[in-house]
Amino acid sequence: MPTIYFNNGLRIYINNREKGHNRPRVHILYKDEDYSFAFDGEQLEGGKLPRKQLKEVRLYLVNHQDYLNELWQSDF
């Protein structure tokens, strides 16, 4: 599964074979915690990310929605 790493400890990955979700999503790993976000930046699951990391995640998601949708629909 494609994974994007950031310098500040964030890891973003997408699993397009997940079942039971009505919206495409990415998973964010930060300090051994798992968060889930829709491609538009809305947080779907998980606790509260620190403000700096949350801002970085949302900026990435908003700027890369087309790429993420391509990954979601691909067969990797």
Protein backbone atom coordinates (compact mmCIF):
# COMPACT_ATOMS: atom_id res chain seq x y z
CA MET A 1 0.00 0.00 0.00
CA PRO A 2 1.32 3.46 -0.86
CA THR A 3 2.81 5.32 2.10
CA ILE A 4 3.89 8.95 2.39
CA TYR A 5 6.32 9.96 5.13
CA PHE A 6 6.73 13.44 6.57
CA ASN A 7 9.73 14.76 8.49
CA ASN A 8 7.77 15.37 11.68
CA GLY A 9 6.85 11.75 12.40
CA LEU A 10 3.65 11.54 10.35
CA ARG A 11 3.00 8.55 8.13
CA ILE A 12 0.07 8.62 5.72
CA TYR A 13 -1.10 5.48 3.98
CA ILE A 14 -4.07 4.39 1.94
CA ASN A 15 -5.65 0.95 1.85
CA ASN A 16 -8.07 0.76 -1.06
CA ARG A 17 -9.13 -2.78 -0.16
CA GLU A 18 -10.74 -1.84 3.15
CA LYS A 19 -14.34 -2.93 3.43
CA GLY A 20 -17.23 -1.32 5.26
CA HIS A 21 -16.35 2.33 4.64
CA ASN A 22 -18.75 4.57 2.80
CA ARG A 23 -16.06 7.20 2.04
CA PRO A 24 -12.54 6.91 0.67
CA ARG A 25 -10.02 7.59 3.43
CA VAL A 26 -6.39 7.68 4.40
CA HIS A 27 -4.85 6.52 7.63
CA ILE A 28 -2.44 8.68 9.57
CA LEU A 29 0.05 7.15 11.97
CA TYR A 30 1.60 9.50 14.50
CA LYS A 31 3.36 8.40 17.68
CA ASP A 32 1.83 4.91 17.47
CA GLU A 33 -1.71 6.32 17.20
CA ASP A 34 -3.94 5.68 14.17
CA TYR A 35 -6.21 8.38 12.75
CA SER A 36 -8.51 8.26 9.76
CA PHE A 37 -9.30 11.18 7.43
CA ALA A 38 -11.50 11.60 4.37
CA PHE A 39 -9.74 13.00 1.32
CA ASP A 40 -11.32 16.41 1.94
CA GLY A 41 -9.58 16.66 5.34
CA GLU A 42 -12.48 15.70 7.60
CA GLN A 43 -11.32 13.52 10.48
CA LEU A 44 -13.33 10.29 10.61
CA GLU A 45 -11.70 8.31 13.42
CA GLY A 46 -9.02 8.61 16.07
CA GLY A 47 -8.10 11.00 18.80
CA LYS A 48 -6.86 14.54 18.52
CA LEU A 49 -3.74 15.23 16.46
CA PRO A 50 -1.55 18.10 17.62
CA ARG A 51 -2.42 21.32 15.78
CA LYS A 52 0.79 21.46 13.72
CA GLN A 53 0.39 17.88 12.46
CA LEU A 54 -3.33 18.33 11.82
CA LYS A 55 -2.64 21.39 9.70
CA GLU A 56 0.01 19.53 7.69
CA VAL A 57 -2.27 16.53 7.11
CA ARG A 58 -5.19 18.66 5.97
CA LEU A 59 -3.01 20.75 3.68
CA TYR A 60 -1.63 17.60 2.07
CA LEU A 61 -5.10 16.06 1.63
CA VAL A 62 -6.65 19.16 0.10
CA ASN A 63 -3.74 19.59 -2.32
CA HIS A 64 -3.60 15.92 -3.38
CA GLN A 65 -7.24 14.82 -3.69
CA ASP A 66 -6.92 13.83 -7.36
CA TYR A 67 -3.85 11.69 -6.67
CA LEU A 68 -5.51 10.06 -3.66
CA ASN A 69 -8.65 9.28 -5.66
CA GLU A 70 -6.49 7.65 -8.36
CA LEU A 71 -4.80 5.50 -5.70
CA TRP A 72 -8.14 4.59 -4.14
CA GLN A 73 -9.49 3.39 -7.47
CA SER A 74 -6.32 1.60 -8.56
CA ASP A 75 -5.45 -2.02 -8.03
CA PHE A 76 -2.13 -1.83 -6.23
